[in-house]
Amino acid sequence: MWNERTASGGQRILLAEDDSELRAVIGYSLGLDGHEVVAMANGVELASWLSVSPRADVIISDVKMPGPSGLEVLARFRRTDSSTPFVLMTAFGSANFHHDAQLLGATALIDKPFDMDDLRALIRGLVPPDDAGSTGASSKVVRQLPAG
């Protein structure tokens, strides 16, 4: 795990979600806690980011999205990093799926639809928010990588 505060005081969260509206809402919500969110639209972008710049404090990924699935990215990532929290989101989560994902190294699984406060609480448990975010300060800028 990278575990270094960003220039804004928060921590870096990588977010891969192919639904642009959900990606924006998650990024904004986590930004309220002072985190820098780097948002990506698919598994190709997430896998590419991790191969070039694997530094992140938490990774959140949808399971079913264009390119490699969140599970495939998780399996590859765990070959080189076993400590960075990796959270999977899915609308198709059976008990068997949850078990398999945990065997691959998922830190947590969230079934869609979910309450944003539940996701924020989970992330706060994995990486504490900065002091400004806990007082309701405005959201940090979310960097969105272009889809492609």
N, C-alpha and C. Protein backbone atom coordinates (compact mmCIF):
# COMPACT_ATOMS: atom_id res chain seq x y z
N MET A 1 0.84 -1.17 0.00
CA MET A 1 0.00 0.00 0.00
C MET A 1 0.88 1.23 0.00
N TRP A 2 0.47 2.23 -0.74
CA TRP A 2 1.23 3.46 -0.87
C TRP A 2 1.17 4.25 0.42
N ASN A 3 -0.02 4.54 0.92
CA ASN A 3 -0.26 5.14 2.23
C ASN A 3 0.50 6.43 2.44
N GLU A 4 0.40 7.33 1.50
CA GLU A 4 1.00 8.66 1.62
C GLU A 4 -0.08 9.68 1.33
N ARG A 5 -0.15 10.70 2.15
CA ARG A 5 -1.14 11.76 1.94
C ARG A 5 -0.86 12.48 0.62
N THR A 6 -1.93 12.81 -0.11
CA THR A 6 -1.76 13.59 -1.33
C THR A 6 -1.50 15.03 -0.94
N ALA A 7 -1.22 15.86 -1.91
CA ALA A 7 -0.95 17.27 -1.64
C ALA A 7 -2.12 17.93 -0.92
N SER A 8 -3.34 17.44 -1.15
CA SER A 8 -4.52 18.03 -0.51
C SER A 8 -4.77 17.47 0.88
N GLY A 9 -3.98 16.50 1.31
CA GLY A 9 -4.14 15.94 2.64
C GLY A 9 -4.90 14.63 2.67
N GLY A 10 -5.63 14.31 1.62
CA GLY A 10 -6.38 13.05 1.57
C GLY A 10 -5.51 11.93 1.08
N GLN A 11 -6.14 10.84 0.75
CA GLN A 11 -5.41 9.71 0.20
C GLN A 11 -5.97 9.39 -1.18
N ARG A 12 -5.15 8.73 -2.00
CA ARG A 12 -5.53 8.44 -3.38
C ARG A 12 -6.38 7.18 -3.46
N ILE A 13 -7.54 7.33 -4.10
CA ILE A 13 -8.43 6.21 -4.34
C ILE A 13 -8.59 6.07 -5.85
N LEU A 14 -8.33 4.88 -6.37
CA LEU A 14 -8.58 4.60 -7.77
C LEU A 14 -9.99 4.02 -7.87
N LEU A 15 -10.77 4.52 -8.82
CA LEU A 15 -12.16 4.10 -8.99
C LEU A 15 -12.39 3.70 -10.43
N ALA A 16 -12.80 2.45 -10.65
CA ALA A 16 -13.14 1.98 -12.00
C ALA A 16 -14.62 1.60 -12.01
N GLU A 17 -15.40 2.32 -12.78
CA GLU A 17 -16.85 2.10 -12.89
C GLU A 17 -17.30 2.55 -14.26
N ASP A 18 -17.98 1.68 -15.02
CA ASP A 18 -18.37 2.04 -16.37
C ASP A 18 -19.62 2.91 -16.45
N ASP A 19 -20.41 2.98 -15.40
CA ASP A 19 -21.57 3.86 -15.37
C ASP A 19 -21.09 5.26 -14.99
N SER A 20 -21.14 6.18 -15.94
CA SER A 20 -20.56 7.50 -15.71
C SER A 20 -21.25 8.26 -14.58
N GLU A 21 -22.55 8.12 -14.44
CA GLU A 21 -23.25 8.82 -13.36
C GLU A 21 -22.84 8.28 -11.99
N LEU A 22 -22.80 6.96 -11.85
CA LEU A 22 -22.39 6.36 -10.58
C LEU A 22 -20.94 6.71 -10.28
N ARG A 23 -20.09 6.69 -11.30
CA ARG A 23 -18.68 7.04 -11.12
C ARG A 23 -18.55 8.47 -10.58
N ALA A 24 -19.34 9.39 -11.13
CA ALA A 24 -19.29 10.78 -10.68
C ALA A 24 -19.79 10.92 -9.24
N VAL A 25 -20.86 10.23 -8.90
CA VAL A 25 -21.42 10.32 -7.55
C VAL A 25 -20.45 9.74 -6.52
N ILE A 26 -19.86 8.60 -6.84
CA ILE A 26 -18.90 7.98 -5.92
C ILE A 26 -17.69 8.89 -5.75
N GLY A 27 -17.17 9.42 -6.85
CA GLY A 27 -16.01 10.30 -6.78
C GLY A 27 -16.29 11.53 -5.94
N TYR A 28 -17.44 12.14 -6.15
CA TYR A 28 -17.80 13.33 -5.37
C TYR A 28 -17.93 12.98 -3.89
N SER A 29 -18.62 11.89 -3.60
CA SER A 29 -18.86 11.49 -2.20
C SER A 29 -17.55 11.22 -1.46
N LEU A 30 -16.64 10.51 -2.10
CA LEU A 30 -15.37 10.21 -1.46
C LEU A 30 -14.49 11.47 -1.36
N GLY A 31 -14.65 12.37 -2.31
CA GLY A 31 -13.95 13.64 -2.24
C GLY A 31 -14.38 14.46 -1.03
N LEU A 32 -15.63 14.31 -0.61
CA LEU A 32 -16.10 15.02 0.59
C LEU A 32 -15.31 14.62 1.82
N ASP A 33 -14.76 13.41 1.80
CA ASP A 33 -13.94 12.95 2.92
C ASP A 33 -12.48 13.33 2.75
N GLY A 34 -12.18 14.13 1.73
CA GLY A 34 -10.82 14.64 1.55
C GLY A 34 -9.91 13.78 0.70
N HIS A 35 -10.48 12.74 0.08
CA HIS A 35 -9.64 11.85 -0.74
C HIS A 35 -9.52 12.36 -2.16
N GLU A 36 -8.40 12.09 -2.78
CA GLU A 36 -8.21 12.33 -4.21
C GLU A 36 -8.70 11.08 -4.92
N VAL A 37 -9.67 11.26 -5.81
CA VAL A 37 -10.23 10.12 -6.53
C VAL A 37 -9.79 10.21 -7.98
N VAL A 38 -9.16 9.15 -8.47
CA VAL A 38 -8.79 9.05 -9.88
C VAL A 38 -9.78 8.07 -10.49
N ALA A 39 -10.65 8.59 -11.35
CA ALA A 39 -11.76 7.80 -11.89
C ALA A 39 -11.47 7.30 -13.30
N MET A 40 -11.84 6.04 -13.53
CA MET A 40 -11.64 5.38 -14.82
C MET A 40 -12.92 4.70 -15.25
N ALA A 41 -13.10 4.54 -16.56
CA ALA A 41 -14.36 4.03 -17.10
C ALA A 41 -14.38 2.53 -17.35
N ASN A 42 -13.25 1.85 -17.23
CA ASN A 42 -13.26 0.42 -17.55
C ASN A 42 -12.01 -0.29 -17.00
N GLY A 43 -12.00 -1.60 -17.18
CA GLY A 43 -10.90 -2.41 -16.68
C GLY A 43 -9.59 -2.18 -17.40
N VAL A 44 -9.65 -1.80 -18.67
CA VAL A 44 -8.42 -1.52 -19.42
C VAL A 44 -7.69 -0.34 -18.79
N GLU A 45 -8.45 0.73 -18.50
CA GLU A 45 -7.83 1.92 -17.90
C GLU A 45 -7.28 1.62 -16.52
N LEU A 46 -8.01 0.85 -15.72
CA LEU A 46 -7.53 0.51 -14.38
C LEU A 46 -6.27 -0.34 -14.46
N ALA A 47 -6.27 -1.36 -15.28
CA ALA A 47 -5.10 -2.23 -15.41
C ALA A 47 -3.89 -1.43 -15.92
N SER A 48 -4.14 -0.53 -16.86
CA SER A 48 -3.07 0.30 -17.40
C SER A 48 -2.49 1.21 -16.31
N TRP A 49 -3.37 1.87 -15.55
CA TRP A 49 -2.91 2.76 -14.47
C TRP A 49 -2.06 1.98 -13.48
N LEU A 50 -2.54 0.81 -13.08
CA LEU A 50 -1.83 0.01 -12.08
C LEU A 50 -0.48 -0.49 -12.59
N SER A 51 -0.37 -0.72 -13.90
CA SER A 51 0.91 -1.19 -14.43
C SER A 51 1.94 -0.06 -14.52
N VAL A 52 1.48 1.18 -14.67
CA VAL A 52 2.37 2.32 -14.80
C VAL A 52 2.61 2.99 -13.45
N SER A 53 1.54 3.18 -12.68
CA SER A 53 1.63 3.90 -11.41
C SER A 53 0.78 3.18 -10.37
N PRO A 54 1.31 2.12 -9.78
CA PRO A 54 0.50 1.31 -8.88
C PRO A 54 0.24 1.94 -7.52
N ARG A 55 0.67 3.20 -7.33
CA ARG A 55 0.51 3.82 -6.02
C ARG A 55 -0.93 4.27 -5.80
N ALA A 56 -1.56 3.66 -4.81
CA ALA A 56 -2.93 4.01 -4.41
C ALA A 56 -3.11 3.54 -2.99
N ASP A 57 -4.04 4.17 -2.30
CA ASP A 57 -4.34 3.76 -0.94
C ASP A 57 -5.51 2.79 -0.89
N VAL A 58 -6.42 2.91 -1.84
CA VAL A 58 -7.56 2.01 -1.99
C VAL A 58 -7.92 1.94 -3.46
N ILE A 59 -8.35 0.77 -3.90
CA ILE A 59 -8.85 0.59 -5.26
C ILE A 59 -10.30 0.12 -5.14
N ILE A 60 -11.18 0.79 -5.88
CA ILE A 60 -12.59 0.39 -5.93
C ILE A 60 -12.90 0.10 -7.39
N SER A 61 -13.45 -1.09 -7.66
CA SER A 61 -13.71 -1.47 -9.03
C SER A 61 -15.05 -2.17 -9.17
N ASP A 62 -15.76 -1.81 -10.24
CA ASP A 62 -16.93 -2.57 -10.64
C ASP A 62 -16.43 -3.93 -11.10
N VAL A 63 -17.27 -4.94 -11.05
CA VAL A 63 -16.87 -6.26 -11.51
C VAL A 63 -17.09 -6.38 -13.01
N LYS A 64 -18.29 -6.11 -13.47
CA LYS A 64 -18.61 -6.26 -14.90
C LYS A 64 -18.50 -4.91 -15.58
N MET A 65 -17.48 -4.79 -16.43
CA MET A 65 -17.26 -3.56 -17.19
C MET A 65 -16.44 -3.92 -18.42
N PRO A 66 -16.38 -3.02 -19.41
CA PRO A 66 -15.59 -3.30 -20.61
C PRO A 66 -14.13 -3.59 -20.28
N GLY A 67 -13.54 -4.47 -21.08
CA GLY A 67 -12.15 -4.85 -20.85
C GLY A 67 -12.08 -5.91 -19.78
N PRO A 68 -10.94 -6.03 -19.13
CA PRO A 68 -10.85 -7.01 -18.06
C PRO A 68 -11.86 -6.67 -16.95
N SER A 69 -12.43 -7.69 -16.39
CA SER A 69 -13.37 -7.48 -15.29
C SER A 69 -12.61 -7.04 -14.04
N GLY A 70 -13.36 -6.54 -13.08
CA GLY A 70 -12.74 -6.18 -11.82
C GLY A 70 -12.04 -7.36 -11.16
N LEU A 71 -12.62 -8.55 -11.31
CA LEU A 71 -11.98 -9.76 -10.76
C LEU A 71 -10.65 -10.05 -11.45
N GLU A 72 -10.61 -9.89 -12.77
CA GLU A 72 -9.37 -10.14 -13.51
C GLU A 72 -8.28 -9.13 -13.11
N VAL A 73 -8.67 -7.87 -12.97
CA VAL A 73 -7.70 -6.85 -12.56
C VAL A 73 -7.21 -7.16 -11.15
N LEU A 74 -8.13 -7.53 -10.26
CA LEU A 74 -7.76 -7.90 -8.90
C LEU A 74 -6.75 -9.04 -8.88
N ALA A 75 -7.03 -10.10 -9.63
CA ALA A 75 -6.14 -11.26 -9.65
C ALA A 75 -4.74 -10.88 -10.12
N ARG A 76 -4.64 -10.04 -11.17
CA ARG A 76 -3.33 -9.61 -11.66
C ARG A 76 -2.62 -8.73 -10.64
N PHE A 77 -3.39 -7.81 -10.04
CA PHE A 77 -2.80 -6.88 -9.08
C PHE A 77 -2.26 -7.60 -7.85
N ARG A 78 -2.96 -8.61 -7.39
CA ARG A 78 -2.53 -9.33 -6.19
C ARG A 78 -1.23 -10.11 -6.40
N ARG A 79 -0.81 -10.31 -7.63
CA ARG A 79 0.48 -10.97 -7.88
C ARG A 79 1.64 -10.11 -7.42
N THR A 80 1.43 -8.78 -7.40
CA THR A 80 2.51 -7.87 -7.03
C THR A 80 2.22 -7.05 -5.78
N ASP A 81 0.97 -7.00 -5.35
CA ASP A 81 0.61 -6.18 -4.18
C ASP A 81 -0.49 -6.89 -3.41
N SER A 82 -0.16 -7.30 -2.21
CA SER A 82 -1.13 -8.02 -1.41
C SER A 82 -1.72 -7.18 -0.28
N SER A 83 -1.29 -5.93 -0.16
CA SER A 83 -1.72 -5.15 0.99
C SER A 83 -2.69 -4.00 0.68
N THR A 84 -2.67 -3.45 -0.53
CA THR A 84 -3.57 -2.35 -0.84
C THR A 84 -5.01 -2.84 -0.84
N PRO A 85 -5.89 -2.18 -0.09
CA PRO A 85 -7.29 -2.61 -0.09
C PRO A 85 -7.90 -2.51 -1.48
N PHE A 86 -8.63 -3.55 -1.86
CA PHE A 86 -9.26 -3.63 -3.18
C PHE A 86 -10.73 -3.99 -2.94
N VAL A 87 -11.61 -3.05 -3.26
CA VAL A 87 -13.04 -3.20 -3.04
C VAL A 87 -13.73 -3.44 -4.37
N LEU A 88 -14.56 -4.47 -4.43
CA LEU A 88 -15.31 -4.77 -5.64
C LEU A 88 -16.78 -4.40 -5.45
N MET A 89 -17.39 -3.86 -6.51
CA MET A 89 -18.82 -3.55 -6.52
C MET A 89 -19.47 -4.41 -7.59
N THR A 90 -20.64 -4.98 -7.28
CA THR A 90 -21.32 -5.80 -8.26
C THR A 90 -22.82 -5.79 -8.07
N ALA A 91 -23.53 -5.94 -9.18
CA ALA A 91 -24.98 -6.10 -9.14
C ALA A 91 -25.33 -7.58 -9.23
N PHE A 92 -24.32 -8.42 -9.32
CA PHE A 92 -24.54 -9.86 -9.54
C PHE A 92 -23.86 -10.70 -8.47
N GLY A 93 -23.96 -10.29 -7.22
CA GLY A 93 -23.19 -10.93 -6.16
C GLY A 93 -23.91 -12.06 -5.45
N SER A 94 -23.55 -13.28 -5.78
CA SER A 94 -24.05 -14.45 -5.05
C SER A 94 -23.08 -14.77 -3.93
N ALA A 95 -23.48 -15.66 -3.05
CA ALA A 95 -22.60 -16.08 -1.96
C ALA A 95 -21.33 -16.72 -2.52
N ASN A 96 -21.47 -17.53 -3.58
CA ASN A 96 -20.29 -18.15 -4.21
C ASN A 96 -19.36 -17.11 -4.80
N PHE A 97 -19.94 -16.09 -5.43
CA PHE A 97 -19.13 -15.03 -6.02
C PHE A 97 -18.34 -14.31 -4.92
N HIS A 98 -19.02 -13.97 -3.83
CA HIS A 98 -18.34 -13.27 -2.73
C HIS A 98 -17.18 -14.12 -2.19
N HIS A 99 -17.41 -15.40 -2.07
CA HIS A 99 -16.36 -16.31 -1.57
C HIS A 99 -15.18 -16.33 -2.53
N ASP A 100 -15.46 -16.48 -3.82
CA ASP A 100 -14.40 -16.53 -4.83
C ASP A 100 -13.60 -15.22 -4.85
N ALA A 101 -14.30 -14.10 -4.75
CA ALA A 101 -13.62 -12.80 -4.77
C ALA A 101 -12.70 -12.65 -3.56
N GLN A 102 -13.16 -13.10 -2.42
CA GLN A 102 -12.31 -13.01 -1.23
C GLN A 102 -11.09 -13.92 -1.36
N LEU A 103 -11.25 -15.07 -1.98
CA LEU A 103 -10.11 -15.95 -2.21
C LEU A 103 -9.07 -15.29 -3.12
N LEU A 104 -9.54 -14.48 -4.07
CA LEU A 104 -8.62 -13.76 -4.97
C LEU A 104 -7.96 -12.56 -4.29
N GLY A 105 -8.47 -12.18 -3.12
CA GLY A 105 -7.83 -11.09 -2.40
C GLY A 105 -8.64 -9.82 -2.26
N ALA A 106 -9.94 -9.88 -2.57
CA ALA A 106 -10.78 -8.69 -2.39
C ALA A 106 -10.87 -8.37 -0.90
N THR A 107 -10.72 -7.12 -0.58
CA THR A 107 -10.84 -6.68 0.81
C THR A 107 -12.30 -6.62 1.23
N ALA A 108 -13.15 -6.18 0.31
CA ALA A 108 -14.59 -6.07 0.58
C ALA A 108 -15.35 -6.15 -0.72
N LEU A 109 -16.62 -6.54 -0.62
CA LEU A 109 -17.52 -6.56 -1.77
C LEU A 109 -18.78 -5.81 -1.41
N ILE A 110 -19.24 -5.01 -2.34
CA ILE A 110 -20.45 -4.22 -2.13
C ILE A 110 -21.44 -4.59 -3.23
N ASP A 111 -22.64 -4.98 -2.81
CA ASP A 111 -23.69 -5.31 -3.77
C ASP A 111 -24.43 -4.05 -4.16
N LYS A 112 -24.59 -3.85 -5.48
CA LYS A 112 -25.37 -2.73 -6.00
C LYS A 112 -26.84 -3.13 -5.98
N PRO A 113 -27.73 -2.21 -5.76
CA PRO A 113 -27.48 -0.84 -5.37
C PRO A 113 -27.05 -0.77 -3.91
N PHE A 114 -26.31 0.26 -3.56
CA PHE A 114 -25.85 0.42 -2.19
C PHE A 114 -26.04 1.87 -1.76
N ASP A 115 -26.03 2.08 -0.47
CA ASP A 115 -26.15 3.41 0.09
C ASP A 115 -24.76 4.04 0.10
N MET A 116 -24.65 5.26 -0.43
CA MET A 116 -23.35 5.92 -0.52
C MET A 116 -22.71 6.08 0.86
N ASP A 117 -23.53 6.29 1.88
CA ASP A 117 -22.98 6.41 3.24
C ASP A 117 -22.30 5.12 3.68
N ASP A 118 -22.82 3.98 3.23
CA ASP A 118 -22.19 2.70 3.56
C ASP A 118 -20.83 2.58 2.89
N LEU A 119 -20.74 3.00 1.63
CA LEU A 119 -19.44 2.97 0.93
C LEU A 119 -18.46 3.92 1.62
N ARG A 120 -18.90 5.12 1.95
CA ARG A 120 -18.01 6.08 2.61
C ARG A 120 -17.53 5.53 3.95
N ALA A 121 -18.42 4.88 4.70
CA ALA A 121 -18.02 4.30 6.00
C ALA A 121 -17.00 3.19 5.79
N LEU A 122 -17.20 2.37 4.77
CA LEU A 122 -16.23 1.31 4.47
C LEU A 122 -14.87 1.90 4.16
N ILE A 123 -14.84 2.91 3.30
CA ILE A 123 -13.57 3.52 2.92
C ILE A 123 -12.93 4.21 4.12
N ARG A 124 -13.72 4.88 4.96
CA ARG A 124 -13.16 5.50 6.17
C ARG A 124 -12.52 4.45 7.07
N GLY A 125 -13.07 3.24 7.09
CA GLY A 125 -12.48 2.17 7.88
C GLY A 125 -11.17 1.67 7.29
N LEU A 126 -11.01 1.82 5.97
CA LEU A 126 -9.78 1.37 5.31
C LEU A 126 -8.71 2.44 5.32
N VAL A 127 -9.09 3.69 5.09
CA VAL A 127 -8.17 4.84 5.12
C VAL A 127 -8.92 5.99 5.77
N PRO A 128 -8.40 6.55 6.83
CA PRO A 128 -9.10 7.63 7.52
C PRO A 128 -9.18 8.88 6.66
N PRO A 129 -10.29 9.64 6.78
CA PRO A 129 -10.39 10.89 6.04
C PRO A 129 -9.45 11.93 6.61
N ASP A 130 -9.18 12.96 5.80
CA ASP A 130 -8.38 14.05 6.37
C ASP A 130 -9.28 14.89 7.27
N ASP A 131 -8.70 15.78 8.05
CA ASP A 131 -9.46 16.56 9.01
C ASP A 131 -10.46 17.49 8.33
N ALA A 132 -10.12 18.04 7.17
CA ALA A 132 -11.04 18.97 6.50
C ALA A 132 -12.28 18.24 6.02
N GLY A 133 -12.10 17.02 5.49
CA GLY A 133 -13.24 16.29 4.97
C GLY A 133 -14.24 15.93 6.04
N SER A 134 -13.80 15.67 7.24
CA SER A 134 -14.71 15.27 8.30
C SER A 134 -15.56 16.42 8.80
N THR A 135 -15.24 17.65 8.42
CA THR A 135 -16.04 18.79 8.84
C THR A 135 -17.00 19.23 7.76
N GLY A 136 -17.11 18.45 6.69
CA GLY A 136 -18.05 18.79 5.63
C GLY A 136 -17.48 19.77 4.62
N ALA A 137 -16.18 19.83 4.49
CA ALA A 137 -15.56 20.73 3.52
C ALA A 137 -15.95 20.32 2.11
N SER A 138 -15.76 21.20 1.16
CA SER A 138 -16.14 20.90 -0.21
C SER A 138 -15.30 19.77 -0.78
N SER A 139 -15.84 19.12 -1.79
CA SER A 139 -15.20 17.95 -2.38
C SER A 139 -13.90 18.33 -3.08
N LYS A 140 -12.93 17.42 -3.02
CA LYS A 140 -11.70 17.59 -3.77
C LYS A 140 -12.00 17.34 -5.25
N VAL A 141 -11.16 17.84 -6.11
CA VAL A 141 -11.34 17.65 -7.53
C VAL A 141 -11.18 16.17 -7.87
N VAL A 142 -12.11 15.65 -8.63
CA VAL A 142 -12.03 14.27 -9.09
C VAL A 142 -11.42 14.29 -10.47
N ARG A 143 -10.33 13.57 -10.64
CA ARG A 143 -9.72 13.48 -11.95
C ARG A 143 -10.38 12.33 -12.70
N GLN A 144 -10.89 12.64 -13.86
CA GLN A 144 -11.56 11.64 -14.68
C GLN A 144 -10.69 11.36 -15.88
N LEU A 145 -10.32 10.12 -16.07
CA LEU A 145 -9.56 9.77 -17.25
C LEU A 145 -10.52 9.64 -18.42
N PRO A 146 -10.12 10.06 -19.60
CA PRO A 146 -11.02 9.95 -20.75
C PRO A 146 -11.28 8.48 -21.09
N ALA A 147 -12.52 8.17 -21.42
CA ALA A 147 -12.88 6.80 -21.81
C ALA A 147 -12.15 6.48 -23.10
N GLY A 148 -11.69 5.26 -23.19
CA GLY A 148 -10.99 4.94 -24.43
C GLY A 148 -10.30 3.72 -24.30
